[in-house]
Amino acid sequence: MKVTIAKTAGFCMGVRRAVEMAFDSANSTATPICTYGPLIHNPQVLSLLKEKGISVIDEIPENGEGTVIIRAHGIPPGDRRALYDSGFKVIDATCPRVIRVQSIISRHSQKGYASIIVGDKAHPEVIGLLGYAGENGYVTDSLISLEELPEFEKAIIVTQTTQNSEFFEKVRDWAKKHHPHYKIFNTICDSTEKRQAEIKSLAPDIDAVIVVGGYNSGNTRRLAEIASAGGKKSLHVETAEDIDIRELAGASHIGITAGASTPNWIIKQVYQDLEALLAQNERPLYRYAFSLMRFLVNSNLYLAVGAGCLTLAGTWMQGLPFQLLPILAAMFYILAMHTANQMLERQFDQYSDPYRAVFYQKNRYALSLLAFISGTGALAASWLMGRLFFIMFICMSLLGLLYNIDAVTRNSAQHRHFLKNIPGSKTVLTALAWGIITALVPPLYSEGYISFAGMLAFAWTCAMVLVRTAYFDIMDMQGSRIMGRGTIPILLGEKRTIRLLKAMLIAMVLVLPAGVVAGVISGEVLLLILCPALMYRFLQGYEQKMIFSGMHRGFVMESFFLLAGALSGLGILLL
């Protein structure tokens, strides 16, 4: 069974912009915030906005208080003026694509043109557009109603940005035939066109389609209509709970797409639940392998093995003898800290990795015990290594826990300690902690000092971990916005962050030969170039929209750590 996620599934630019503006406002101000009408057409996002203290008003009060956000669909100009006049601080989250249509209508209306809007009469975007057309605005949703309109001396035809592109082509043909003097503007959003085109292109290769999004979302309903028109089984679901696996019986390839107002975590939850349901129908060997992989990734056991492997790589890079205690200390420490931190961040996981949130909630007592046992193991290993290492591990553990406890207990942006106010601080500090444990502890334990090779190993390991963590920050950008997190991707944006990570990986490839030329490390260590090279290819795959589920992403990304350990072990044994 194969599952393919459409490349264009999820938030469009306009919806993403509106949601980010709303959450950024909620995270940065203590004054009342509301939206004039529902911000977007997705009940889960609207419920979340309500939890964040963002209410919805349907009528403009005489005296407004605080901040009002104009919905992504836009509003009539009269309502905009009334919001300002009432005393609100106004944040305009109207989609730029909608603003373009508003401008076209307003400009031509002032010149005496009639405006024919192809769209749904009751849709808020169309209601807003009519406000710019004044008395010469007309709405049509079929060729029949189009033919019933009077003939105009001057007229323009525009479309609701989420209109069906096939229907617009019929309108264009009709106008060219009957009213060639009408001006026609294709104002369908390119995101809408891409979604509709992609679902059509997927049709020959799939047996069924799941369309994810609000039942009252116009663009989502149109996607479901297009999928059904292609003759394939089609399910329109709002959440993963709405999936009826019986309706997908006999399908060997399932496609998933989503409306422009569907958040990533809903799509991810649908994918994860569908993946688990389909795995139950596979052969026992695949079923067991899938369950084991999922357990290892979500329990952080796989990551802990990766920490041990990076410690082995750091040891080999510095030409140190094999020592078991630093490896065990690193594995126990990483397992304890990551498990404890994710226990504290279950609320965040609801919006970044829904399955992991459920996994931690369901197994919270067993995972708490695991964190305690592994923490004790880290302290025991460090005690055997010496008093210095014992104190070091205690201090690092306390600092890590205090950092995350502060994030949970102090939600207001005004009350965070200064480290939390630095975007990307957690990602950088995580990388530094890994670097200390995996690259600096082994030489201190073995030789009592840190050489130039140790500093190179420290920088190389920190970069590996930073790339891994920042990549997951990119995946979790929506959740970070919701929780008010200042991550590197939030600061730089997705594309700039990817470019930064790729530059770091190139530097990691180049620094090892430079170290060999300088005589700092031995030539055999060049085997490790394979790790950043493959990570670079992984990021290229992400840019090319090669979609993985959360579990597969974690497994593949953390496998690069294991690869470093395997290459190092091979080098120690054979070279």
Protein backbone atom coordinates (compact mmCIF):
# COMPACT_ATOMS: atom_id res chain seq x y z
CA MET A 1 0.00 0.00 0.00
CA LYS A 2 1.35 3.41 -1.01
CA VAL A 3 0.33 6.85 0.28
CA THR A 4 1.25 10.05 -1.59
CA ILE A 5 0.79 13.54 -0.15
CA ALA A 6 0.19 16.27 -2.73
CA LYS A 7 3.02 18.81 -2.83
CA THR A 8 0.56 21.71 -2.60
CA ALA A 9 -1.46 20.35 0.34
CA GLY A 10 -2.02 22.68 3.27
CA PHE A 11 -1.88 26.39 3.99
CA CYS A 12 -1.61 28.68 1.00
CA MET A 13 0.46 31.85 1.27
CA GLY A 14 -2.50 34.05 2.20
CA VAL A 15 -3.82 31.75 4.93
CA ARG A 16 -0.35 31.14 6.36
CA ARG A 17 0.23 34.90 6.48
CA ALA A 18 -3.09 35.55 8.23
CA VAL A 19 -2.60 32.79 10.81
CA GLU A 20 0.97 33.88 11.53
CA MET A 21 -0.17 37.48 12.01
CA ALA A 22 -2.86 36.33 14.44
CA PHE A 23 -0.56 34.12 16.53
CA ASP A 24 2.26 36.67 16.51
CA SER A 25 -0.20 39.28 17.81
CA ALA A 26 -1.48 36.94 20.52
CA ASN A 27 2.07 36.13 21.62
CA SER A 28 3.24 39.74 21.76
CA THR A 29 0.38 41.77 23.26
CA ALA A 30 -1.73 41.68 26.39
CA THR A 31 -4.59 43.80 24.96
CA PRO A 32 -7.82 42.15 23.72
CA ILE A 33 -7.59 40.68 20.20
CA CYS A 34 -10.46 39.69 17.94
CA THR A 35 -11.07 38.93 14.29
CA TYR A 36 -13.87 40.50 12.25
CA GLY A 37 -15.54 37.32 11.10
CA PRO A 38 -13.76 33.92 11.18
CA LEU A 39 -10.12 34.41 10.15
CA ILE A 40 -10.13 31.36 7.84
CA HIS A 41 -12.45 28.44 7.10
CA ASN A 42 -11.03 25.75 9.37
CA PRO A 43 -12.76 24.88 12.68
CA GLN A 44 -9.63 23.42 14.29
CA VAL A 45 -7.61 26.58 13.68
CA LEU A 46 -10.51 28.76 14.85
CA SER A 47 -10.78 26.71 18.03
CA LEU A 48 -7.07 27.14 18.61
CA LEU A 49 -7.31 30.90 18.07
CA LYS A 50 -10.05 30.98 20.68
CA GLU A 51 -7.77 29.13 23.13
CA LYS A 52 -5.14 31.78 22.50
CA GLY A 53 -7.63 34.46 23.52
CA ILE A 54 -8.56 35.63 20.01
CA SER A 55 -12.34 36.05 19.83
CA VAL A 56 -14.58 36.58 16.79
CA ILE A 57 -16.95 39.52 16.29
CA ASP A 58 -19.61 39.52 13.59
CA GLU A 59 -20.76 43.10 14.09
CA ILE A 60 -18.71 46.27 14.52
CA PRO A 61 -19.26 47.85 17.97
CA GLU A 62 -19.61 51.58 18.42
CA ASN A 63 -16.55 51.67 20.68
CA GLY A 64 -13.92 49.06 19.88
CA GLU A 65 -11.20 48.03 22.31
CA GLY A 66 -7.83 46.45 21.58
CA THR A 67 -6.87 44.94 18.25
CA VAL A 68 -9.06 43.64 15.44
CA ILE A 69 -7.70 41.45 12.63
CA ILE A 70 -9.31 41.62 9.20
CA ARG A 71 -9.92 38.09 7.95
CA ALA A 72 -7.94 36.57 5.07
CA HIS A 73 -11.01 36.79 2.78
CA GLY A 74 -11.11 40.57 3.05
CA ILE A 75 -14.06 42.84 3.91
CA PRO A 76 -15.98 45.66 2.18
CA PRO A 77 -14.28 49.09 2.35
CA GLY A 78 -17.16 50.50 4.40
CA ASP A 79 -16.56 47.90 7.10
CA ARG A 80 -12.85 48.71 7.08
CA ARG A 81 -13.55 52.40 7.70
CA ALA A 82 -16.02 51.51 10.46
CA LEU A 83 -13.39 49.40 12.26
CA TYR A 84 -10.96 52.32 12.32
CA ASP A 85 -13.69 54.77 13.35
CA SER A 86 -14.73 52.57 16.29
CA GLY A 87 -11.27 52.92 17.84
CA PHE A 88 -9.73 49.50 17.08
CA LYS A 89 -6.10 49.03 16.24
CA VAL A 90 -6.55 47.29 12.87
CA ILE A 91 -4.30 44.54 11.52
CA ASP A 92 -5.10 43.77 7.90
CA ALA A 93 -4.64 40.03 7.21
CA THR A 94 -6.41 40.15 3.84
CA CYS A 95 -4.73 37.79 1.40
CA PRO A 96 -2.59 39.76 -1.10
CA ARG A 97 -4.26 37.82 -3.94
CA VAL A 98 -7.64 39.05 -2.74
CA ILE A 99 -6.31 42.60 -2.43
CA ARG A 100 -5.34 42.41 -6.11
CA VAL A 101 -8.93 41.56 -7.08
CA GLN A 102 -10.23 44.35 -4.85
CA SER A 103 -7.91 46.80 -6.62
CA ILE A 104 -9.02 45.69 -10.08
CA ILE A 105 -12.68 46.12 -9.19
CA SER A 106 -12.15 49.47 -7.42
CA ARG A 107 -10.12 50.91 -10.29
CA HIS A 108 -12.65 49.94 -12.96
CA SER A 109 -15.66 50.81 -10.83
CA GLN A 110 -14.41 54.39 -10.64
CA LYS A 111 -14.36 54.44 -14.46
CA GLY A 112 -17.98 53.31 -14.71
CA TYR A 113 -17.42 49.61 -15.38
CA ALA A 114 -19.83 46.97 -14.14
CA SER A 115 -18.09 44.21 -12.18
CA ILE A 116 -19.16 40.61 -12.77
CA ILE A 117 -17.76 38.39 -10.01
CA VAL A 118 -17.67 34.65 -10.69
CA GLY A 119 -18.06 33.02 -7.29
CA ASP A 120 -20.30 31.95 -4.43
CA LYS A 121 -22.72 34.72 -3.43
CA ALA A 122 -22.55 33.90 0.28
CA HIS A 123 -18.77 33.56 0.44
CA PRO A 124 -17.11 36.28 2.58
CA GLU A 125 -14.52 37.02 -0.10
CA VAL A 126 -17.26 37.72 -2.65
CA ILE A 127 -19.19 39.86 -0.16
CA GLY A 128 -16.04 41.90 0.36
CA LEU A 129 -15.44 42.25 -3.39
CA LEU A 130 -18.99 43.48 -3.93
CA GLY A 131 -18.25 46.32 -1.54
CA TYR A 132 -15.60 47.61 -3.95
CA ALA A 133 -17.96 47.33 -6.94
CA GLY A 134 -20.62 49.55 -5.39
CA GLU A 135 -24.00 49.51 -7.15
CA ASN A 136 -22.53 47.96 -10.31
CA GLY A 137 -21.50 44.65 -8.80
CA TYR A 138 -23.01 41.31 -9.88
CA VAL A 139 -22.30 37.77 -8.76
CA THR A 140 -22.72 34.68 -10.88
CA ASP A 141 -22.10 31.03 -10.04
CA SER A 142 -23.32 29.36 -13.25
CA LEU A 143 -23.59 29.96 -16.98
CA ILE A 144 -27.36 30.20 -16.62
CA SER A 145 -27.15 33.08 -14.15
CA LEU A 146 -24.47 34.66 -16.32
CA GLU A 147 -26.77 34.69 -19.32
CA GLU A 148 -29.52 36.29 -17.25
CA LEU A 149 -27.41 39.39 -16.58
CA PRO A 150 -28.14 42.50 -18.65
CA GLU A 151 -25.69 43.50 -21.36
CA PHE A 152 -23.29 46.20 -20.17
CA GLU A 153 -21.59 48.88 -22.19
CA LYS A 154 -18.48 48.44 -20.08
CA ALA A 155 -17.85 45.47 -17.81
CA ILE A 156 -15.09 43.42 -16.26
CA ILE A 157 -15.19 39.77 -15.26
CA VAL A 158 -13.18 38.63 -12.24
CA THR A 159 -13.30 35.47 -10.16
CA GLN A 160 -13.29 34.51 -6.54
CA THR A 161 -9.67 33.51 -5.91
CA THR A 162 -10.65 29.93 -5.01
CA GLN A 163 -12.96 29.38 -8.00
CA ASN A 164 -12.86 26.22 -10.13
CA SER A 165 -10.48 26.89 -13.04
CA GLU A 166 -12.50 24.71 -15.45
CA PHE A 167 -15.64 26.74 -14.79
CA PHE A 168 -13.73 29.99 -15.32
CA GLU A 169 -12.60 28.75 -18.74
CA LYS A 170 -16.24 28.19 -19.66
CA VAL A 171 -17.05 31.73 -18.52
CA ARG A 172 -14.15 33.09 -20.58
CA ASP A 173 -15.36 31.24 -23.69
CA TRP A 174 -18.91 32.51 -23.15
CA ALA A 175 -17.74 36.10 -22.80
CA LYS A 176 -15.55 35.98 -25.88
CA LYS A 177 -18.46 34.63 -27.89
CA HIS A 178 -21.27 36.88 -26.62
CA HIS A 179 -19.53 39.98 -25.19
CA PRO A 180 -16.03 40.28 -26.65
CA HIS A 181 -15.73 43.87 -25.38
CA TYR A 182 -15.82 42.75 -21.74
CA LYS A 183 -12.47 42.81 -19.94
CA ILE A 184 -11.63 39.43 -18.44
CA PHE A 185 -9.23 38.97 -15.53
CA ASN A 186 -8.17 35.52 -14.36
CA THR A 187 -7.95 36.23 -10.64
CA ILE A 188 -7.92 32.62 -9.49
CA CYS A 189 -5.03 32.26 -7.05
CA ASP A 190 -2.09 30.32 -8.49
CA SER A 191 -2.14 28.18 -5.33
CA THR A 192 -5.73 27.17 -6.10
CA GLU A 193 -4.86 26.37 -9.71
CA LYS A 194 -1.86 24.28 -8.65
CA ARG A 195 -3.93 22.27 -6.17
CA GLN A 196 -6.61 21.58 -8.73
CA ALA A 197 -4.06 20.71 -11.43
CA GLU A 198 -2.12 18.44 -9.10
CA ILE A 199 -5.14 16.41 -8.04
CA LYS A 200 -5.92 15.89 -11.74
CA SER A 201 -2.35 14.84 -12.49
CA LEU A 202 -2.38 12.37 -9.59
CA ALA A 203 -5.64 10.78 -10.72
CA PRO A 204 -4.15 8.25 -13.22
CA ASP A 205 -1.75 6.85 -10.59
CA ILE A 206 -4.00 6.57 -7.54
CA ASP A 207 -7.02 4.50 -6.58
CA ALA A 208 -8.53 6.82 -3.97
CA VAL A 209 -8.20 10.40 -2.75
CA ILE A 210 -8.57 11.83 0.76
CA VAL A 211 -9.26 15.57 0.76
CA VAL A 212 -8.54 17.12 4.17
CA GLY A 213 -10.13 20.39 5.24
CA GLY A 214 -13.11 22.18 6.72
CA TYR A 215 -16.51 21.13 5.42
CA ASN A 216 -17.43 24.80 4.95
CA SER A 217 -14.23 25.65 3.03
CA GLY A 218 -15.07 26.48 -0.58
CA ASN A 219 -11.67 25.59 -2.06
CA THR A 220 -11.61 22.28 -0.15
CA ARG A 221 -15.06 21.33 -1.39
CA ARG A 222 -13.97 22.09 -4.96
CA LEU A 223 -10.94 19.82 -4.55
CA ALA A 224 -13.27 17.04 -3.39
CA GLU A 225 -15.54 17.67 -6.40
CA ILE A 226 -12.59 17.51 -8.81
CA ALA A 227 -11.35 14.30 -7.20
CA SER A 228 -14.80 12.71 -7.49
CA ALA A 229 -15.18 13.87 -11.10
CA GLY A 230 -12.02 11.94 -11.95
CA GLY A 231 -13.82 8.68 -11.22
CA LYS A 232 -11.75 7.80 -8.16
CA LYS A 233 -12.95 7.02 -4.65
CA SER A 234 -12.98 10.33 -2.82
CA LEU A 235 -13.27 11.09 0.89
CA HIS A 236 -13.61 14.62 2.24
CA VAL A 237 -12.57 14.54 5.90
CA GLU A 238 -12.06 17.32 8.42
CA THR A 239 -9.81 15.33 10.78
CA ALA A 240 -8.26 11.87 11.00
CA GLU A 241 -11.22 10.69 13.11
CA ASP A 242 -13.46 11.05 10.04
CA ILE A 243 -11.59 8.42 8.00
CA ASP A 244 -13.60 5.29 7.31
CA ILE A 245 -11.02 2.71 6.26
CA ARG A 246 -13.77 0.54 4.79
CA GLU A 247 -14.34 3.12 2.06
CA LEU A 248 -10.73 2.64 0.96
CA ALA A 249 -10.98 -1.14 0.64
CA GLY A 250 -9.15 -2.40 -2.44
CA ALA A 251 -7.11 0.77 -2.93
CA SER A 252 -3.40 0.10 -3.39
CA HIS A 253 -2.34 3.74 -3.88
CA ILE A 254 -4.00 6.55 -1.91
CA GLY A 255 -3.46 10.25 -2.52
CA ILE A 256 -3.86 12.93 0.17
CA THR A 257 -4.50 16.57 -0.61
CA ALA A 258 -5.80 19.41 1.54
CA GLY A 259 -7.49 22.76 1.25
CA ALA A 260 -5.69 26.08 1.57
CA SER A 261 -6.90 26.56 5.14
CA THR A 262 -5.87 23.13 6.45
CA PRO A 263 -2.97 23.26 8.94
CA ASN A 264 0.02 20.95 8.68
CA TRP A 265 -0.69 19.11 11.92
CA ILE A 266 -4.11 17.99 10.68
CA ILE A 267 -2.59 16.69 7.41
CA LYS A 268 0.19 14.99 9.38
CA GLN A 269 -2.30 13.35 11.71
CA VAL A 270 -4.34 12.03 8.77
CA TYR A 271 -1.16 10.67 7.17
CA GLN A 272 0.07 9.07 10.39
CA ASP A 273 -3.28 7.47 11.24
CA LEU A 274 -3.76 6.24 7.68
CA GLU A 275 -0.22 4.85 7.63
CA ALA A 276 -0.89 2.94 10.86
CA LEU A 277 -4.25 1.64 9.65
CA LEU A 278 -2.78 0.42 6.38
CA ALA A 279 0.17 -1.23 8.14
CA GLN A 280 -2.27 -3.50 9.96
CA ASN A 281 -3.22 -5.03 6.61
CA GLU A 282 0.37 -5.73 5.55
CA ARG A 283 2.45 -8.85 6.11
CA PRO A 284 3.44 -9.59 9.72
CA LEU A 285 7.14 -8.83 9.10
CA TYR A 286 6.35 -5.36 7.69
CA ARG A 287 3.83 -4.71 10.44
CA TYR A 288 6.35 -5.55 13.18
CA ALA A 289 9.13 -3.56 11.49
CA PHE A 290 6.86 -0.53 11.15
CA SER A 291 5.79 -0.69 14.80
CA LEU A 292 9.39 -1.14 15.97
CA MET A 293 10.62 1.80 13.89
CA ARG A 294 7.85 4.02 15.20
CA PHE A 295 8.56 3.02 18.79
CA LEU A 296 12.32 3.57 18.52
CA VAL A 297 11.90 7.06 17.03
CA ASN A 298 9.15 8.27 19.38
CA SER A 299 10.77 6.86 22.53
CA ASN A 300 14.11 8.53 21.63
CA LEU A 301 15.88 5.18 21.91
CA TYR A 302 17.04 5.50 18.30
CA LEU A 303 18.31 9.02 19.01
CA ALA A 304 20.18 7.75 22.06
CA VAL A 305 21.97 5.15 19.92
CA GLY A 306 22.79 8.00 17.53
CA ALA A 307 24.39 9.91 20.42
CA GLY A 308 26.57 6.91 21.19
CA CYS A 309 27.55 6.69 17.53
CA LEU A 310 28.51 10.39 17.37
CA THR A 311 30.64 9.87 20.48
CA LEU A 312 32.41 7.01 18.74
CA ALA A 313 32.90 9.25 15.68
CA GLY A 314 34.36 12.01 17.86
CA THR A 315 36.69 9.52 19.52
CA TRP A 316 37.94 8.20 16.16
CA MET A 317 38.32 11.68 14.71
CA GLN A 318 40.68 12.58 17.58
CA GLY A 319 42.66 9.35 17.38
CA LEU A 320 41.64 8.34 20.92
CA PRO A 321 41.41 4.77 22.20
CA PHE A 322 37.96 3.20 22.40
CA GLN A 323 36.33 3.95 25.77
CA LEU A 324 32.92 2.54 26.71
CA LEU A 325 32.02 4.88 29.59
CA PRO A 326 31.84 8.15 27.53
CA ILE A 327 29.64 6.38 24.97
CA LEU A 328 27.28 5.05 27.65
CA ALA A 329 27.18 8.43 29.40
CA ALA A 330 26.26 10.18 26.13
CA MET A 331 23.53 7.66 25.31
CA PHE A 332 21.96 7.80 28.77
CA TYR A 333 22.20 11.60 28.98
CA ILE A 334 20.59 12.24 25.57
CA LEU A 335 17.84 9.69 26.24
CA ALA A 336 17.05 11.21 29.63
CA MET A 337 17.08 14.85 28.52
CA HIS A 338 15.12 14.42 25.28
CA THR A 339 12.52 12.20 26.94
CA ALA A 340 12.08 14.58 29.88
CA ASN A 341 11.86 17.61 27.59
CA GLN A 342 9.25 16.00 25.37
CA MET A 343 7.24 15.06 28.42
CA LEU A 344 7.20 18.77 29.26
CA GLU A 345 6.35 19.73 25.68
CA ARG A 346 3.38 17.46 24.99
CA GLN A 347 1.22 20.50 24.28
CA PHE A 348 3.64 21.63 21.57
CA ASP A 349 3.65 18.16 20.02
CA GLN A 350 -0.10 18.42 19.43
CA TYR A 351 0.72 20.87 16.63
CA SER A 352 4.03 19.44 15.43
CA ASP A 353 3.74 15.64 15.73
CA PRO A 354 0.23 14.54 16.80
CA TYR A 355 1.12 10.83 17.05
CA ARG A 356 4.08 11.55 19.34
CA ALA A 357 1.81 13.68 21.56
CA VAL A 358 -0.59 10.75 21.89
CA PHE A 359 2.31 8.35 22.42
CA TYR A 360 3.68 10.43 25.31
CA GLN A 361 0.27 10.93 26.86
CA LYS A 362 -0.58 7.22 26.69
CA ASN A 363 2.82 6.04 27.97
CA ARG A 364 3.67 8.95 30.26
CA TYR A 365 4.35 6.81 33.34
CA ALA A 366 6.58 4.33 31.51
CA LEU A 367 8.42 7.16 29.74
CA SER A 368 8.87 9.06 33.00
CA LEU A 369 10.43 5.91 34.46
CA LEU A 370 12.63 5.57 31.37
CA ALA A 371 13.82 9.19 31.75
CA PHE A 372 14.61 8.57 35.43
CA ILE A 373 16.48 5.31 34.77
CA SER A 374 18.49 6.76 31.88
CA GLY A 375 19.26 9.91 33.91
CA THR A 376 20.51 7.72 36.74
CA GLY A 377 22.56 5.75 34.23
CA ALA A 378 24.16 8.95 32.91
CA LEU A 379 25.08 10.06 36.42
CA ALA A 380 26.41 6.60 37.30
CA ALA A 381 28.60 6.51 34.18
CA SER A 382 29.87 10.04 34.83
CA TRP A 383 30.61 9.14 38.49
CA LEU A 384 32.74 6.23 37.34
CA MET A 385 34.55 8.61 34.98
CA GLY A 386 35.41 11.02 37.77
CA ARG A 387 34.13 13.86 39.95
CA LEU A 388 34.62 16.49 37.20
CA PHE A 389 32.36 14.62 34.81
CA PHE A 390 29.77 13.93 37.49
CA ILE A 391 29.49 17.65 38.28
CA MET A 392 29.45 18.50 34.56
CA PHE A 393 26.56 16.13 33.85
CA ILE A 394 24.55 17.38 36.84
CA CYS A 395 24.98 21.04 35.81
CA MET A 396 24.07 20.40 32.17
CA SER A 397 21.03 18.36 33.17
CA LEU A 398 19.74 21.03 35.54
CA LEU A 399 20.27 23.82 33.00
CA GLY A 400 18.45 21.86 30.31
CA LEU A 401 15.47 21.09 32.55
CA LEU A 402 15.24 24.66 33.90
CA TYR A 403 15.25 26.04 30.36
CA ASN A 404 12.29 23.89 29.33
CA ILE A 405 10.37 24.21 32.59
CA ASP A 406 10.51 27.99 32.16
CA ALA A 407 9.10 27.61 28.65
CA VAL A 408 6.13 25.63 29.98
CA THR A 409 5.31 27.64 33.08
CA ARG A 410 5.76 31.14 31.63
CA ASN A 411 3.72 31.45 28.49
CA SER A 412 3.71 35.24 28.32
CA ALA A 413 6.35 36.65 26.01
CA GLN A 414 7.00 39.47 28.48
CA HIS A 415 8.03 37.08 31.28
CA ARG A 416 10.47 34.75 29.57
CA HIS A 417 14.08 34.75 30.68
CA PHE A 418 16.40 36.43 28.21
CA LEU A 419 17.64 33.19 26.60
CA LYS A 420 14.10 32.30 25.52
CA ASN A 421 13.85 35.69 23.81
CA ILE A 422 16.78 34.85 21.53
CA PRO A 423 15.40 33.14 18.38
CA GLY A 424 16.97 29.73 17.88
CA SER A 425 18.56 29.67 21.36
CA LYS A 426 17.24 26.19 22.11
CA THR A 427 18.52 24.80 18.81
CA VAL A 428 21.99 26.28 19.35
CA LEU A 429 22.18 25.23 23.01
CA THR A 430 21.05 21.70 22.12
CA ALA A 431 23.83 21.45 19.52
CA LEU A 432 26.41 22.76 22.00
CA ALA A 433 25.30 20.26 24.67
CA TRP A 434 25.61 17.40 22.19
CA GLY A 435 29.03 18.65 21.11
CA ILE A 436 30.31 18.77 24.69
CA ILE A 437 29.02 15.29 25.54
CA THR A 438 30.07 13.54 22.33
CA ALA A 439 33.27 15.36 21.33
CA LEU A 440 34.83 17.02 24.40
CA VAL A 441 34.14 14.52 27.18
CA PRO A 442 36.08 11.63 25.51
CA PRO A 443 39.44 13.50 25.25
CA LEU A 444 39.06 14.99 28.74
CA TYR A 445 38.44 11.51 30.10
CA SER A 446 41.15 9.81 28.06
CA GLU A 447 43.90 12.46 27.84
CA GLY A 448 42.92 15.16 30.32
CA TYR A 449 43.02 17.95 27.74
CA ILE A 450 41.38 19.02 24.46
CA SER A 451 43.52 19.14 21.31
CA PHE A 452 42.94 20.94 18.00
CA ALA A 453 41.44 17.68 16.76
CA GLY A 454 39.02 17.84 19.68
CA MET A 455 37.90 21.35 18.74
CA LEU A 456 37.41 20.25 15.12
CA ALA A 457 35.39 17.22 16.28
CA PHE A 458 33.35 19.51 18.54
CA ALA A 459 32.52 21.91 15.68
CA TRP A 460 31.71 19.01 13.32
CA THR A 461 29.40 17.29 15.82
CA CYS A 462 27.66 20.54 16.78
CA ALA A 463 26.99 21.23 13.10
CA MET A 464 25.54 17.74 12.57
CA VAL A 465 23.14 18.17 15.49
CA LEU A 466 22.24 21.76 14.60
CA VAL A 467 21.30 20.74 11.05
CA ARG A 468 19.14 17.92 12.38
CA THR A 469 17.40 20.11 14.99
CA ALA A 470 16.90 23.12 12.71
CA TYR A 471 15.43 20.87 10.02
CA PHE A 472 12.80 19.66 12.48
CA ASP A 473 12.21 23.28 13.47
CA ILE A 474 11.30 23.91 9.82
CA MET A 475 8.84 21.02 9.94
CA ASP A 476 7.34 22.47 13.12
CA MET A 477 7.05 26.13 12.09
CA GLN A 478 3.27 26.22 12.47
CA GLY A 479 3.46 24.70 15.93
CA SER A 480 6.23 27.13 16.88
CA ARG A 481 4.05 30.08 15.82
CA ILE A 482 1.17 28.76 17.88
CA MET A 483 3.32 28.31 20.99
CA GLY A 484 5.17 31.58 20.50
CA ARG A 485 8.56 29.95 19.93
CA GLY A 486 11.32 31.97 18.33
CA THR A 487 13.14 29.34 16.26
CA ILE A 488 15.75 29.91 13.55
CA PRO A 489 13.21 29.27 10.74
CA ILE A 490 10.78 31.73 12.34
CA LEU A 491 13.56 34.35 12.36
CA LEU A 492 15.07 33.68 8.93
CA GLY A 493 12.23 32.04 7.06
CA GLU A 494 12.17 28.55 5.58
CA LYS A 495 14.21 29.19 2.41
CA ARG A 496 16.98 31.12 4.15
CA THR A 497 17.21 28.46 6.85
CA ILE A 498 17.58 25.71 4.27
CA ARG A 499 20.32 27.72 2.54
CA LEU A 500 22.08 28.19 5.89
CA LEU A 501 21.93 24.48 6.70
CA LYS A 502 23.21 23.52 3.26
CA ALA A 503 26.11 25.98 3.66
CA MET A 504 26.95 24.41 7.02
CA LEU A 505 26.95 20.94 5.45
CA ILE A 506 29.28 22.10 2.68
CA ALA A 507 31.59 23.50 5.35
CA MET A 508 31.44 20.15 7.18
CA VAL A 509 32.52 18.38 4.00
CA LEU A 510 35.42 20.81 3.46
CA VAL A 511 36.69 21.02 7.03
CA LEU A 512 37.76 17.37 7.20
CA PRO A 513 40.19 17.54 4.22
CA ALA A 514 41.45 20.85 5.63
CA GLY A 515 42.11 19.11 8.95
CA VAL A 516 43.99 16.33 7.17
CA VAL A 517 46.14 18.83 5.22
CA ALA A 518 46.88 20.71 8.45
CA GLY A 519 47.90 17.46 10.12
CA VAL A 520 45.23 17.79 12.81
CA ILE A 521 43.38 14.57 11.92
CA SER A 522 44.31 11.41 10.00
CA GLY A 523 43.29 10.76 6.40
CA GLU A 524 41.10 7.78 7.32
CA VAL A 525 38.60 10.17 8.95
CA LEU A 526 37.67 11.43 5.47
CA LEU A 527 35.20 8.52 5.42
CA LEU A 528 32.96 10.73 7.58
CA ILE A 529 32.46 13.13 4.66
CA LEU A 530 29.71 10.76 3.57
CA CYS A 531 27.47 11.88 6.49
CA PRO A 532 27.13 15.60 5.68
CA ALA A 533 27.04 14.78 1.97
CA LEU A 534 24.01 12.54 2.44
CA MET A 535 22.38 15.06 4.77
CA TYR A 536 22.83 17.67 2.02
CA ARG A 537 21.09 15.34 -0.44
CA PHE A 538 18.30 14.83 2.11
CA LEU A 539 17.71 18.60 2.28
CA GLN A 540 17.68 18.74 -1.51
CA GLY A 541 14.97 16.09 -1.46
CA TYR A 542 12.97 18.22 0.95
CA GLU A 543 13.29 21.23 -1.35
CA GLN A 544 12.05 19.06 -4.23
CA LYS A 545 8.95 18.20 -2.16
CA MET A 546 9.85 14.58 -1.46
CA ILE A 547 7.35 14.11 1.37
CA PHE A 548 8.08 11.89 4.37
CA SER A 549 5.86 11.25 7.35
CA GLY A 550 7.13 12.56 10.68
CA MET A 551 8.27 9.10 11.71
CA HIS A 552 10.21 8.48 8.50
CA ARG A 553 11.81 11.91 8.63
CA GLY A 554 13.03 11.26 12.17
CA PHE A 555 14.29 7.81 11.30
CA VAL A 556 16.18 8.92 8.20
CA MET A 557 17.68 12.08 9.76
CA GLU A 558 18.84 10.27 12.88
CA SER A 559 20.22 7.42 10.78
CA PHE A 560 22.98 9.82 9.68
CA PHE A 561 24.24 9.76 13.28
CA LEU A 562 24.28 5.97 13.19
CA LEU A 563 26.08 6.11 9.85
CA ALA A 564 28.81 8.22 11.47
CA GLY A 565 29.18 5.56 14.16
CA ALA A 566 29.21 2.71 11.63
CA LEU A 567 31.91 4.41 9.52
CA SER A 568 33.94 5.11 12.63
CA GLY A 569 33.61 1.53 13.84
CA LEU A 570 34.66 0.32 10.41
CA GLY A 571 37.63 2.64 10.47
CA ILE A 572 38.70 1.49 13.95
CA LEU A 573 38.47 -2.19 12.98
CA LEU A 574 39.99 -2.07 9.48
CA LEU A 575 42.19 1.00 9.34
